[in-house]
Amino acid sequence: MLEVREIWKTFNAGTVNEKQALRGVSLTLNDGDFCTVIGGNGAGKSTLLNAVAGVWAVDRGSITIGGADVTHLAEHKRARYIGRVFQDPMMGTAATMQIEENLALAMRRGKRRTLRTGISKNEREQYREMLKILDLGLEERLTSKVGLLSGGQRQALTLLMATLQKPDLLLLDEHTAALDPKTAAKVLDATERIVGKDRLTTLMITHNMRDAIAHGNRLIMMYNGKIVIDVSGEEKKKLTVPQLLELFNKVSGSDEADDKLLLS
């Protein structure tokens, strides 16, 4: 479903601020894979996600999503293949609109516009059933303005909206980092349910080692613009945080893991 081949990305090339963010990264995700991505600051995690999303063009290499070569496609043209949830809970929803109106916008994304207005009774019931999967009671608040929701509720709603059209690829960019631990755990539980229900191919960035181990069927760790660890299946299930740190120290040649990585 996702094939990244030997992609390179350098920022500020030829200047004193030159930074080689990606160094020949290759990654293949099969249909239904849920892959967590972990690494310290500057490891290349967000650069990889943004390259796949088309935020910026890569210097070399190719990116294929669902069999389509999107390497040279603009970001807005890749949107038909991708669902994305950002770190900031405020980015994925319209605060002044109702919950059901936000869902209607997401449901009609990419579809032909008609003169029909409003939300039908059948649609309303459909949205109510969809919201139940979040287990946050939002199905009883369809007409509430999204701006009145908590950060966690808003992020969970954004997640649901990003997956309504069953994207070929779901990108989760540290989508629980701005939430308190209890709320983050609820959003991650909702993520598992939504991804599992539709077997969505998912790439999730996190700084939290426990979350990286606990969620998904595959884990990759990045360091200095490269993928240095790639574990899946039973090997991933048996991993512990100390073992992951030991692996990281071994492949990076350093015992000084990033502060954010350790504190998380």
Protein backbone atom coordinates (compact mmCIF):
# COMPACT_ATOMS: atom_id res chain seq x y z
CA MET A 1 0.00 0.00 0.00
CA LEU A 2 2.99 2.29 0.61
CA GLU A 3 6.35 1.94 -1.07
CA VAL A 4 9.11 4.42 -0.34
CA ARG A 5 12.28 3.80 -2.36
CA GLU A 6 15.62 5.38 -1.55
CA ILE A 7 14.33 8.86 -0.75
CA TRP A 8 16.74 11.66 0.12
CA LYS A 9 15.96 15.11 1.46
CA THR A 10 18.39 17.94 2.28
CA PHE A 11 17.34 21.32 3.66
CA ASN A 12 19.31 24.53 3.04
CA ALA A 13 21.70 22.73 0.67
CA GLY A 14 25.01 24.49 0.11
CA THR A 15 24.69 26.74 3.16
CA VAL A 16 26.12 26.62 6.67
CA ASN A 17 22.68 25.44 7.82
CA GLU A 18 22.62 22.41 5.50
CA LYS A 19 20.78 19.49 7.06
CA GLN A 20 20.50 16.06 5.46
CA ALA A 21 17.17 14.97 6.92
CA LEU A 22 16.61 11.74 4.96
CA ARG A 23 19.43 9.52 3.72
CA GLY A 24 18.21 6.89 1.27
CA VAL A 25 15.16 5.79 3.27
CA SER A 26 13.25 2.76 1.92
CA LEU A 27 10.05 1.44 3.48
CA THR A 28 7.27 -0.88 2.30
CA LEU A 29 3.93 -1.18 4.10
CA ASN A 30 1.54 -3.95 3.11
CA ASP A 31 -2.23 -3.49 3.06
CA GLY A 32 -3.45 -3.27 6.68
CA ASP A 33 -0.03 -2.71 8.28
CA PHE A 34 -0.04 -0.46 11.36
CA CYS A 35 3.52 0.80 11.70
CA THR A 36 4.74 2.98 14.57
CA VAL A 37 7.72 5.29 13.97
CA ILE A 38 9.97 6.36 16.82
CA GLY A 39 13.21 8.29 17.11
CA GLY A 40 14.82 11.30 18.76
CA ASN A 41 14.61 14.93 17.69
CA GLY A 42 16.06 15.38 14.21
CA ALA A 43 15.93 11.66 13.43
CA GLY A 44 13.84 12.21 10.29
CA LYS A 45 10.41 11.01 11.45
CA SER A 46 8.41 14.10 10.55
CA THR A 47 10.43 14.65 7.39
CA LEU A 48 9.50 11.13 6.25
CA LEU A 49 5.81 11.72 7.00
CA ASN A 50 5.81 15.10 5.27
CA ALA A 51 7.61 13.65 2.25
CA VAL A 52 4.94 10.94 1.93
CA ALA A 53 2.18 13.55 2.36
CA GLY A 54 3.75 15.79 -0.30
CA VAL A 55 4.43 18.77 1.96
CA TRP A 56 7.77 19.02 0.19
CA ALA A 57 9.38 17.24 -2.73
CA VAL A 58 12.17 14.74 -2.16
CA ASP A 59 15.57 15.26 -3.80
CA ARG A 60 15.81 11.70 -5.06
CA GLY A 61 13.84 8.47 -4.83
CA SER A 62 10.18 7.55 -5.35
CA ILE A 63 6.95 7.23 -3.35
CA THR A 64 4.03 4.98 -4.34
CA ILE A 65 0.66 4.85 -2.55
CA GLY A 66 -1.91 2.22 -3.44
CA GLY A 67 -0.03 1.42 -6.64
CA ALA A 68 0.03 5.06 -7.81
CA ASP A 69 3.33 6.90 -8.19
CA VAL A 70 2.82 10.14 -6.23
CA THR A 71 6.47 11.26 -6.16
CA HIS A 72 5.78 14.38 -8.21
CA LEU A 73 2.18 14.99 -7.14
CA ALA A 74 1.38 18.20 -5.23
CA GLU A 75 0.17 17.85 -1.64
CA HIS A 76 -3.48 18.65 -2.46
CA LYS A 77 -3.51 16.03 -5.22
CA ARG A 78 -2.21 13.36 -2.84
CA ALA A 79 -5.08 14.10 -0.46
CA ARG A 80 -7.30 11.59 -2.31
CA TYR A 81 -5.00 8.79 -1.09
CA ILE A 82 -4.21 10.05 2.41
CA GLY A 83 -5.95 10.72 5.72
CA ARG A 84 -3.89 12.73 8.20
CA VAL A 85 -4.13 13.74 11.85
CA PHE A 86 -1.73 16.38 13.16
CA GLN A 87 -0.29 16.96 16.62
CA ASP A 88 -2.43 20.07 17.22
CA PRO A 89 -6.06 19.06 18.07
CA MET A 90 -7.28 22.37 16.64
CA MET A 91 -6.07 21.69 13.09
CA GLY A 92 -8.47 19.04 11.85
CA THR A 93 -11.89 20.50 12.65
CA ALA A 94 -13.97 23.66 12.15
CA ALA A 95 -14.54 25.11 15.62
CA THR A 96 -17.61 27.20 14.78
CA MET A 97 -19.47 24.31 13.16
CA GLN A 98 -21.42 21.52 14.82
CA ILE A 99 -20.09 17.99 15.23
CA GLU A 100 -22.53 16.66 12.62
CA GLU A 101 -21.59 19.45 10.20
CA ASN A 102 -17.90 18.59 10.53
CA LEU A 103 -18.69 14.93 9.86
CA ALA A 104 -20.82 15.88 6.84
CA LEU A 105 -17.92 17.86 5.38
CA ALA A 106 -15.58 14.91 5.84
CA MET A 107 -18.11 12.45 4.41
CA ARG A 108 -18.64 14.56 1.29
CA ARG A 109 -14.96 15.25 0.73
CA GLY A 110 -14.04 14.72 -2.93
CA LYS A 111 -17.63 14.07 -3.96
CA ARG A 112 -19.60 16.05 -6.49
CA ARG A 113 -21.45 19.01 -4.98
CA THR A 114 -25.24 19.22 -5.34
CA LEU A 115 -27.90 21.79 -4.52
CA ARG A 116 -29.22 19.62 -1.69
CA THR A 117 -28.76 21.32 1.67
CA GLY A 118 -28.72 20.17 5.25
CA ILE A 119 -28.17 16.78 6.85
CA SER A 120 -30.78 14.08 6.40
CA LYS A 121 -32.21 11.95 9.21
CA ASN A 122 -30.46 8.88 7.79
CA GLU A 123 -27.12 10.71 7.71
CA ARG A 124 -27.62 11.86 11.30
CA GLU A 125 -28.20 8.27 12.44
CA GLN A 126 -25.13 7.18 10.48
CA TYR A 127 -22.98 9.81 12.22
CA ARG A 128 -24.37 8.78 15.60
CA GLU A 129 -23.31 5.17 15.00
CA MET A 130 -19.87 6.26 13.78
CA LEU A 131 -19.26 8.35 16.90
CA LYS A 132 -19.99 5.41 19.20
CA ILE A 133 -16.66 3.84 18.26
CA LEU A 134 -14.88 6.74 20.02
CA ASP A 135 -16.57 5.86 23.34
CA LEU A 136 -16.64 9.53 24.36
CA GLY A 137 -20.40 10.15 24.40
CA LEU A 138 -20.22 12.45 21.36
CA GLU A 139 -23.05 10.56 19.68
CA GLU A 140 -25.42 12.41 22.04
CA ARG A 141 -23.93 15.82 21.18
CA LEU A 142 -24.31 15.99 17.40
CA THR A 143 -25.39 19.64 17.41
CA SER A 144 -22.68 20.84 19.83
CA LYS A 145 -20.15 23.30 18.41
CA VAL A 146 -16.76 21.61 18.02
CA GLY A 147 -15.07 24.59 19.68
CA LEU A 148 -16.74 23.58 22.96
CA LEU A 149 -15.08 20.14 22.99
CA SER A 150 -11.94 19.28 24.93
CA GLY A 151 -8.64 18.78 23.10
CA GLY A 152 -8.96 15.02 23.38
CA GLN A 153 -12.53 14.95 22.10
CA ARG A 154 -11.55 17.16 19.20
CA GLN A 155 -8.58 15.00 18.31
CA ALA A 156 -10.71 11.86 18.42
CA LEU A 157 -13.25 13.55 16.14
CA THR A 158 -10.45 14.58 13.76
CA LEU A 159 -9.29 10.96 13.67
CA LEU A 160 -12.79 9.79 12.78
CA MET A 161 -13.13 12.46 10.07
CA ALA A 162 -9.75 11.52 8.55
CA THR A 163 -10.86 7.90 8.17
CA LEU A 164 -14.47 8.28 6.97
CA GLN A 165 -13.46 7.92 3.31
CA LYS A 166 -11.23 4.89 4.06
CA PRO A 167 -7.94 6.40 2.83
CA ASP A 168 -5.29 4.20 1.25
CA LEU A 169 -2.89 5.48 3.90
CA LEU A 170 -3.47 7.04 7.33
CA LEU A 171 -0.73 9.33 8.69
CA LEU A 172 -0.72 10.06 12.43
CA ASP A 173 1.79 12.78 13.26
CA GLU A 174 2.27 12.51 17.06
CA HIS A 175 -1.51 12.89 17.31
CA THR A 176 -1.57 12.36 21.10
CA ALA A 177 1.51 14.43 22.03
CA ALA A 178 -0.50 17.52 23.02
CA LEU A 179 -2.88 15.54 25.26
CA ASP A 180 -2.62 14.55 28.92
CA PRO A 181 -1.73 10.86 29.49
CA LYS A 182 -5.27 9.73 30.34
CA THR A 183 -6.81 11.45 27.31
CA ALA A 184 -3.95 10.28 25.07
CA ALA A 185 -4.66 6.68 26.11
CA LYS A 186 -8.34 7.08 25.15
CA VAL A 187 -7.46 8.51 21.74
CA LEU A 188 -4.98 5.68 21.15
CA ASP A 189 -7.65 3.13 22.07
CA ALA A 190 -9.99 4.77 19.57
CA THR A 191 -7.18 4.69 17.00
CA GLU A 192 -6.77 0.94 17.48
CA ARG A 193 -10.51 0.36 17.05
CA ILE A 194 -10.83 2.51 13.92
CA VAL A 195 -7.67 1.19 12.25
CA GLY A 196 -8.57 -2.39 13.14
CA LYS A 197 -12.19 -2.15 11.97
CA ASP A 198 -11.26 -1.06 8.45
CA ARG A 199 -7.74 -2.56 8.34
CA LEU A 200 -6.32 0.84 7.45
CA THR A 201 -2.67 0.98 6.44
CA THR A 202 -1.23 3.36 9.04
CA LEU A 203 2.01 5.17 9.80
CA MET A 204 2.06 6.62 13.32
CA ILE A 205 4.85 8.83 14.70
CA THR A 206 5.31 8.83 18.47
CA HIS A 207 7.99 9.80 20.99
CA ASN A 208 6.59 7.35 23.52
CA MET A 209 8.44 4.02 23.49
CA ARG A 210 5.68 2.19 25.35
CA ASP A 211 3.06 3.37 22.85
CA ALA A 212 5.32 2.43 19.93
CA ILE A 213 5.61 -1.10 21.31
CA ALA A 214 1.97 -1.49 22.42
CA HIS A 215 0.31 -0.38 19.19
CA GLY A 216 0.49 -1.72 15.66
CA ASN A 217 2.07 -4.81 14.16
CA ARG A 218 5.36 -3.18 13.19
CA LEU A 219 7.85 -0.72 14.68
CA ILE A 220 10.62 1.24 13.00
CA MET A 221 13.14 3.51 14.68
CA MET A 222 14.90 6.30 12.84
CA TYR A 223 18.27 7.86 13.59
CA ASN A 224 20.22 10.45 11.64
CA GLY A 225 17.89 10.28 8.63
CA LYS A 226 17.87 6.49 8.33
CA ILE A 227 15.77 3.55 9.51
CA VAL A 228 17.98 1.72 11.98
CA ILE A 229 15.50 -0.69 13.58
CA ASP A 230 12.61 -2.55 11.93
CA VAL A 231 10.74 -5.18 13.98
CA SER A 232 7.35 -6.79 13.51
CA GLY A 233 5.14 -9.70 14.55
CA GLU A 234 6.14 -11.75 17.58
CA GLU A 235 9.50 -10.00 17.85
CA LYS A 236 7.71 -6.68 18.35
CA LYS A 237 5.19 -8.11 20.81
CA LYS A 238 7.99 -9.37 23.05
CA LEU A 239 9.93 -6.09 23.03
CA THR A 240 10.37 -4.12 26.24
CA VAL A 241 11.41 -0.48 26.62
CA PRO A 242 14.88 -1.41 28.01
CA GLN A 243 15.41 -3.82 25.10
CA LEU A 244 14.39 -1.13 22.60
CA LEU A 245 16.80 1.34 24.20
CA GLU A 246 19.55 -1.26 24.10
CA LEU A 247 18.84 -1.92 20.41
CA PHE A 248 18.93 1.80 19.70
CA ASN A 249 22.23 2.27 21.53
CA LYS A 250 23.72 -0.64 19.59
CA VAL A 251 22.72 0.52 16.11
CA SER A 252 23.36 4.23 16.75
CA GLY A 253 26.71 3.66 18.42
CA SER A 254 25.68 5.96 21.25
CA ASP A 255 24.23 5.54 24.73
CA GLU A 256 22.83 9.07 24.78
CA ALA A 257 19.24 8.74 23.66
CA ASP A 258 17.29 11.93 23.03
CA ASP A 259 15.85 13.50 26.21
CA LYS A 260 12.32 13.59 24.82
CA LEU A 261 12.57 9.93 23.88
CA LEU A 262 13.70 8.97 27.40
CA LEU A 263 11.23 11.18 29.24
CA SER A 264 8.33 9.88 27.18
